[in-house]
Amino acid sequence: MSKFVFIADFFANEIPGGGELNNDEVCSILTSFGHEVQKVKCANITENILLQDANYIVANFVQLSEKNKQILQNKKKYIIYEHDHKYVKTRNPADYPGYLAPKSEIVNFDFYSNALAVLCQSKFHKNIVEQNLELNNIVSLGGNLWSQESLDLMRKISQKDKSNKCAIMASQNWHKNTADAIRYCQAKNIDFELILQCSYHDFLNKLGKHSKFIFLPKTPETLSRIVVEARMMGLTVIGNQNIGATKEDWFKYKGEQLIAIMENKRKTIPIGIRKMFLDPPDAVHVSFWSQDSDENDLIKTLQVLNRDKK
């Protein structure tokens, strides 16, 4: 079986963020397929690591040196598992009208253009990346990966009675915009609970006991795991235009139906990633499958640029 090298700035044992939790599941599932998976931080990358006989997956790469980007571009096949917008200097396309950055603000263009594919979290995310980079190797995964343990926990929580309160995530990150969520509830006279930082599963239990979740991010959320988690646990979501998940076809579902769809992503996303590397060079289509509860297999054929590397 072929080897995968997964490159990222940090992993979930260091920062348990949504992107890092997703990345860990990618590695875990590829390992379960029988592949060797080597996880390496960008800061620890060496030329020897990059010149292995392996397939390379690059997630967050702020700490990846320009020299190492050049080695990947010129000598290896790699995909970018994009979690935000590292092609813009500020990493925030909301700074510009219509999320369209001036050409002078675009960075890392060659690194994106030479990738076999740039994997985006949602159609919303893909559309923003596409309009800024104007490349044809950008695809939407239409979802994220959760561990089976977390999905089973959310399934149990979804079946419990809910309070009439509205949940708000307490965050020190300005772009998560906790302040406006609080002001909204106060203006509408909505009873709310501010959920403070705690362990991941404790957070899910606290979020899932309420009937509503309000989230008003100031920057485009490529998907927003917390919004999908709220829906999987049966909550109504009050949001704004910056949330990628709300624009997916499956967002109309919640509870068990949505959990089933995300369970299926555990198969389709890793299989799609493997196909990008293992299919013959002339293969230009990769199918990602998703399962809706009252619809049979929905086939989404996503075009990727599969090219030979020197």
Protein backbone atom coordinates (compact mmCIF):
# COMPACT_ATOMS: atom_id res chain seq x y z
CA MET A 1 0.00 0.00 0.00
CA SER A 2 1.21 3.50 -0.80
CA LYS A 3 2.45 5.84 1.91
CA PHE A 4 0.92 9.22 2.77
CA VAL A 5 2.72 12.13 4.41
CA PHE A 6 0.33 14.56 6.08
CA ILE A 7 1.83 18.02 6.59
CA ALA A 8 0.32 20.68 8.86
CA ASP A 9 1.36 23.51 11.17
CA PHE A 10 -0.20 21.76 14.17
CA PHE A 11 -2.06 18.58 15.02
CA ALA A 12 -5.01 17.93 17.33
CA ASN A 13 -2.84 16.86 20.27
CA GLU A 14 -1.47 20.43 20.28
CA ILE A 15 -4.47 22.50 19.16
CA PRO A 16 -7.85 20.72 19.22
CA GLY A 17 -9.36 23.02 16.58
CA GLY A 18 -11.87 21.95 13.97
CA GLY A 19 -9.31 21.72 11.18
CA GLU A 20 -6.93 19.70 13.34
CA LEU A 21 -9.66 17.29 14.46
CA ASN A 22 -10.68 16.79 10.83
CA ASN A 23 -7.07 16.18 9.79
CA ASP A 24 -6.61 13.55 12.48
CA GLU A 25 -9.62 11.67 11.14
CA VAL A 26 -8.21 11.78 7.60
CA CYS A 27 -4.99 10.21 8.88
CA SER A 28 -6.80 7.66 11.03
CA ILE A 29 -9.10 6.50 8.22
CA LEU A 30 -6.30 6.28 5.65
CA THR A 31 -4.40 4.17 8.20
CA SER A 32 -7.44 1.92 8.58
CA PHE A 33 -7.35 1.41 4.79
CA GLY A 34 -3.89 -0.13 5.23
CA HIS A 35 -1.78 2.89 4.28
CA GLU A 36 1.21 4.07 6.26
CA VAL A 37 0.56 7.69 7.29
CA GLN A 38 3.37 9.91 8.55
CA LYS A 39 2.27 13.13 10.27
CA VAL A 40 4.86 15.92 10.12
CA LYS A 41 4.67 19.50 11.32
CA CYS A 42 5.63 22.16 8.79
CA ALA A 43 8.39 23.39 11.11
CA ASN A 44 9.95 19.90 11.15
CA ILE A 45 9.92 19.22 7.41
CA THR A 46 13.26 18.29 5.85
CA GLU A 47 14.23 17.67 2.24
CA ASN A 48 14.58 13.96 2.97
CA ILE A 49 10.98 13.80 4.16
CA LEU A 50 9.82 15.49 0.98
CA LEU A 51 11.76 13.19 -1.32
CA GLN A 52 10.23 9.93 -0.11
CA ASP A 53 8.21 7.68 -2.35
CA ALA A 54 4.93 8.96 -0.90
CA ASN A 55 1.77 10.94 -1.54
CA TYR A 56 1.63 14.33 0.16
CA ILE A 57 -1.35 16.02 1.78
CA VAL A 58 -0.76 19.61 2.90
CA ALA A 59 -3.21 21.22 5.32
CA ASN A 60 -2.41 24.48 7.13
CA PHE A 61 1.04 25.49 5.90
CA VAL A 62 1.85 28.93 7.33
CA GLN A 63 5.12 27.57 8.75
CA LEU A 64 6.13 25.69 5.59
CA SER A 65 9.23 27.31 4.10
CA GLU A 66 9.33 28.61 0.56
CA LYS A 67 12.15 26.15 -0.19
CA ASN A 68 9.99 23.21 0.84
CA LYS A 69 7.03 24.51 -1.13
CA GLN A 70 9.29 24.60 -4.19
CA ILE A 71 10.37 20.98 -3.66
CA LEU A 72 6.74 19.87 -3.52
CA GLN A 73 5.79 21.96 -6.56
CA ASN A 74 8.65 20.72 -8.71
CA LYS A 75 9.10 17.11 -7.66
CA LYS A 76 6.03 15.64 -5.95
CA LYS A 77 2.34 15.02 -6.31
CA TYR A 78 0.40 16.73 -3.53
CA ILE A 79 -3.03 18.00 -2.63
CA ILE A 80 -3.89 20.97 -0.45
CA TYR A 81 -6.54 20.29 2.20
CA GLU A 82 -7.62 23.90 2.59
CA HIS A 83 -9.20 25.01 5.86
CA ASP A 84 -9.22 28.78 5.35
CA HIS A 85 -7.80 31.24 2.80
CA LYS A 86 -4.00 31.13 2.75
CA TYR A 87 -3.92 32.53 -0.78
CA VAL A 88 -4.80 35.99 0.61
CA LYS A 89 -2.24 37.97 2.61
CA THR A 90 -4.73 38.64 5.42
CA ARG A 91 -6.34 35.16 5.15
CA ASN A 92 -9.65 37.04 5.27
CA PRO A 93 -11.36 37.63 1.90
CA ALA A 94 -14.19 39.40 3.76
CA ASP A 95 -11.86 42.42 3.81
CA TYR A 96 -12.81 42.93 0.15
CA PRO A 97 -16.14 43.52 -1.63
CA GLY A 98 -17.71 40.26 -2.72
CA TYR A 99 -14.84 38.33 -1.08
CA LEU A 100 -12.70 39.19 -4.12
CA ALA A 101 -9.16 40.27 -3.21
CA PRO A 102 -7.08 42.50 -5.51
CA LYS A 103 -4.43 40.60 -7.46
CA SER A 104 -1.77 42.39 -5.41
CA GLU A 105 -3.09 40.66 -2.27
CA ILE A 106 -2.87 37.11 -3.66
CA VAL A 107 -0.06 34.93 -2.29
CA ASN A 108 1.04 31.29 -2.70
CA PHE A 109 -0.51 31.18 -6.18
CA ASP A 110 2.02 28.75 -7.63
CA PHE A 111 1.66 26.41 -4.66
CA TYR A 112 -2.10 26.21 -5.23
CA SER A 113 -1.88 25.96 -9.02
CA ASN A 114 0.61 23.06 -8.94
CA ALA A 115 -1.45 20.95 -6.53
CA LEU A 116 -3.32 17.94 -7.91
CA ALA A 117 -6.35 19.43 -6.18
CA VAL A 118 -7.31 22.04 -3.61
CA LEU A 119 -9.92 20.49 -1.32
CA CYS A 120 -12.41 23.00 0.07
CA GLN A 121 -14.87 22.46 2.89
CA SER A 122 -18.06 23.61 1.15
CA LYS A 123 -19.45 25.08 -2.08
CA PHE A 124 -19.26 28.52 -0.42
CA HIS A 125 -15.58 27.98 0.35
CA LYS A 126 -14.86 26.62 -3.14
CA ASN A 127 -16.57 29.55 -4.85
CA ILE A 128 -14.51 32.10 -2.91
CA VAL A 129 -11.22 30.31 -3.60
CA GLU A 130 -12.13 29.82 -7.25
CA GLN A 131 -13.03 33.43 -7.94
CA ASN A 132 -9.77 34.61 -6.39
CA LEU A 133 -7.39 32.08 -7.95
CA GLU A 134 -9.23 31.25 -11.20
CA LEU A 135 -7.93 27.68 -11.17
CA ASN A 136 -9.64 24.47 -12.32
CA ASN A 137 -8.23 22.15 -9.62
CA ILE A 138 -10.52 23.36 -6.83
CA VAL A 139 -13.16 21.00 -5.46
CA SER A 140 -15.71 21.03 -2.66
CA LEU A 141 -15.87 18.16 -0.18
CA GLY A 142 -19.23 19.40 1.08
CA GLY A 143 -18.54 18.43 4.67
CA ASN A 144 -16.06 17.47 7.36
CA LEU A 145 -14.91 14.38 9.23
CA TRP A 146 -15.78 13.46 12.80
CA SER A 147 -14.69 10.43 14.78
CA GLN A 148 -17.30 7.71 15.10
CA GLU A 149 -17.15 8.25 18.86
CA SER A 150 -18.12 11.91 18.47
CA LEU A 151 -20.88 11.12 15.99
CA ASP A 152 -22.30 8.50 18.39
CA LEU A 153 -22.23 11.05 21.22
CA MET A 154 -24.06 13.63 19.11
CA ARG A 155 -26.61 10.97 18.16
CA LYS A 156 -27.37 10.40 21.86
CA ILE A 157 -27.53 14.12 22.60
CA SER A 158 -29.88 14.73 19.66
CA GLN A 159 -32.46 12.45 21.27
CA LYS A 160 -32.55 14.34 24.58
CA ASP A 161 -35.02 17.06 25.54
CA LYS A 162 -33.90 20.63 24.85
CA SER A 163 -34.09 23.80 26.92
CA ASN A 164 -35.65 26.96 25.52
CA LYS A 165 -32.34 28.78 25.80
CA CYS A 166 -30.09 29.90 22.97
CA ALA A 167 -26.46 28.72 23.10
CA ILE A 168 -23.59 31.11 22.34
CA MET A 169 -19.97 30.05 22.01
CA ALA A 170 -17.67 32.15 24.19
CA SER A 171 -14.62 32.91 22.08
CA GLN A 172 -11.75 35.36 22.40
CA ASN A 173 -11.30 35.33 18.62
CA TRP A 174 -12.73 38.59 17.30
CA HIS A 175 -13.89 36.96 14.06
CA LYS A 176 -16.15 34.53 15.95
CA ASN A 177 -18.06 37.65 17.07
CA THR A 178 -19.37 36.51 20.45
CA ALA A 179 -20.21 40.12 21.35
CA ASP A 180 -22.78 40.55 18.56
CA ALA A 181 -24.37 37.20 19.36
CA ILE A 182 -24.89 38.37 22.94
CA ARG A 183 -26.25 41.74 21.78
CA TYR A 184 -28.67 39.99 19.42
CA CYS A 185 -30.10 37.87 22.23
CA GLN A 186 -30.37 40.87 24.52
CA ALA A 187 -32.12 42.94 21.85
CA LYS A 188 -34.58 40.12 21.11
CA ASN A 189 -35.03 39.32 24.81
CA ILE A 190 -33.82 35.75 24.21
CA ASP A 191 -32.58 33.77 27.19
CA PHE A 192 -29.11 32.45 26.42
CA GLU A 193 -26.19 30.52 27.87
CA LEU A 194 -22.60 31.44 27.12
CA ILE A 195 -20.61 28.21 26.71
CA LEU A 196 -17.08 28.66 27.99
CA GLN A 197 -14.02 26.78 26.81
CA CYS A 198 -13.94 23.18 27.99
CA SER A 199 -13.10 19.72 26.67
CA TYR A 200 -14.56 18.88 23.26
CA HIS A 201 -17.14 16.33 24.41
CA ASP A 202 -18.14 18.49 27.38
CA PHE A 203 -18.69 21.32 24.92
CA LEU A 204 -20.95 19.14 22.77
CA ASN A 205 -23.01 18.16 25.82
CA LYS A 206 -23.44 21.79 26.85
CA LEU A 207 -24.30 22.94 23.33
CA GLY A 208 -26.67 20.08 22.64
CA LYS A 209 -28.94 20.63 25.62
CA HIS A 210 -30.34 23.84 24.10
CA SER A 211 -32.84 24.35 21.29
CA LYS A 212 -31.02 27.15 19.42
CA PHE A 213 -27.49 28.21 18.58
CA ILE A 214 -26.54 31.68 17.41
CA PHE A 215 -23.34 32.33 15.47
CA LEU A 216 -22.54 35.57 13.61
CA PRO A 217 -18.94 35.27 12.34
CA LYS A 218 -17.22 38.32 10.87
CA THR A 219 -15.11 36.31 8.42
CA PRO A 220 -16.22 33.58 6.01
CA GLU A 221 -16.43 30.22 7.77
CA THR A 222 -15.34 27.66 5.20
CA LEU A 223 -17.86 25.23 6.71
CA SER A 224 -18.22 25.83 10.48
CA ARG A 225 -17.99 22.54 12.33
CA ILE A 226 -19.83 23.97 15.31
CA VAL A 227 -22.83 24.87 13.16
CA VAL A 228 -22.92 21.35 11.69
CA GLU A 229 -22.56 19.92 15.21
CA ALA A 230 -25.49 22.03 16.39
CA ARG A 231 -27.63 20.73 13.52
CA MET A 232 -26.58 17.14 14.13
CA MET A 233 -27.76 17.54 17.72
CA GLY A 234 -31.11 18.94 16.60
CA LEU A 235 -30.64 22.66 17.22
CA THR A 236 -32.02 25.53 15.17
CA VAL A 237 -29.18 27.76 13.95
CA ILE A 238 -29.37 31.54 13.78
CA GLY A 239 -26.50 32.72 11.57
CA ASN A 240 -25.39 35.15 8.88
CA GLN A 241 -24.11 35.02 5.31
CA ASN A 242 -20.58 34.00 6.35
CA ILE A 243 -21.32 30.34 7.16
CA GLY A 244 -20.45 27.77 4.50
CA ALA A 245 -22.52 24.94 6.00
CA THR A 246 -25.79 26.83 5.60
CA LYS A 247 -25.39 26.80 1.81
CA GLU A 248 -25.03 23.02 1.49
CA ASP A 249 -27.98 20.96 0.23
CA TRP A 250 -27.88 18.82 3.38
CA PHE A 251 -28.28 21.76 5.77
CA LYS A 252 -32.06 21.30 5.71
CA TYR A 253 -31.55 18.07 7.66
CA LYS A 254 -30.72 17.72 11.33
CA GLY A 255 -30.40 15.05 13.99
CA GLU A 256 -30.10 11.45 12.80
CA GLN A 257 -30.50 12.34 9.12
CA LEU A 258 -27.55 14.72 9.14
CA ILE A 259 -25.45 12.39 11.30
CA ALA A 260 -25.96 9.66 8.69
CA ILE A 261 -24.74 12.01 5.95
CA MET A 262 -21.60 12.92 7.91
CA GLU A 263 -20.98 9.25 8.74
CA ASN A 264 -20.93 8.58 5.00
CA LYS A 265 -18.35 11.34 4.54
CA ARG A 266 -15.98 9.16 6.59
CA LYS A 267 -15.95 6.82 3.60
CA THR A 268 -16.29 9.12 0.63
CA ILE A 269 -13.75 11.80 1.49
CA PRO A 270 -10.78 9.49 2.26
CA ILE A 271 -11.63 7.27 -0.72
CA GLY A 272 -11.73 10.34 -2.95
CA ILE A 273 -8.36 11.51 -1.63
CA ARG A 274 -6.82 8.11 -2.33
CA LYS A 275 -8.25 8.03 -5.86
CA MET A 276 -6.63 11.37 -6.68
CA PHE A 277 -3.22 9.81 -6.22
CA LEU A 278 -3.83 6.23 -7.30
CA ASP A 279 -5.93 6.61 -10.45
CA PRO A 280 -4.12 6.61 -13.83
CA PRO A 281 -2.68 10.01 -14.88
CA ASP A 282 -5.37 10.51 -17.53
CA ALA A 283 -8.18 10.17 -14.98
CA VAL A 284 -9.71 13.61 -14.56
CA HIS A 285 -12.78 12.91 -12.47
CA VAL A 286 -13.14 11.97 -8.83
CA SER A 287 -16.58 11.12 -7.42
CA PHE A 288 -17.41 12.07 -3.88
CA TRP A 289 -20.52 10.32 -2.61
CA SER A 290 -22.91 11.63 0.01
CA GLN A 291 -25.99 9.94 1.43
CA ASP A 292 -29.18 11.87 2.18
CA SER A 293 -31.78 10.14 4.34
CA ASP A 294 -34.69 10.36 1.90
CA GLU A 295 -32.60 10.44 -1.26
CA ASN A 296 -30.55 7.56 -2.63
CA ASP A 297 -26.86 7.92 -3.39
CA LEU A 298 -26.26 11.49 -4.55
CA ILE A 299 -23.27 11.46 -6.87
CA LYS A 300 -21.24 14.61 -7.01
CA THR A 301 -18.59 14.42 -9.70
CA LEU A 302 -15.88 16.92 -8.92
CA GLN A 303 -13.31 17.70 -11.60
CA VAL A 304 -9.71 17.76 -10.45
CA LEU A 305 -6.54 18.48 -12.28
CA ASN A 306 -4.53 15.24 -12.21
CA ARG A 307 -1.16 15.88 -13.77
CA ASP A 308 2.18 14.18 -14.05
CA LYS A 309 5.03 15.60 -12.03
CA LYS A 310 8.55 15.65 -13.29
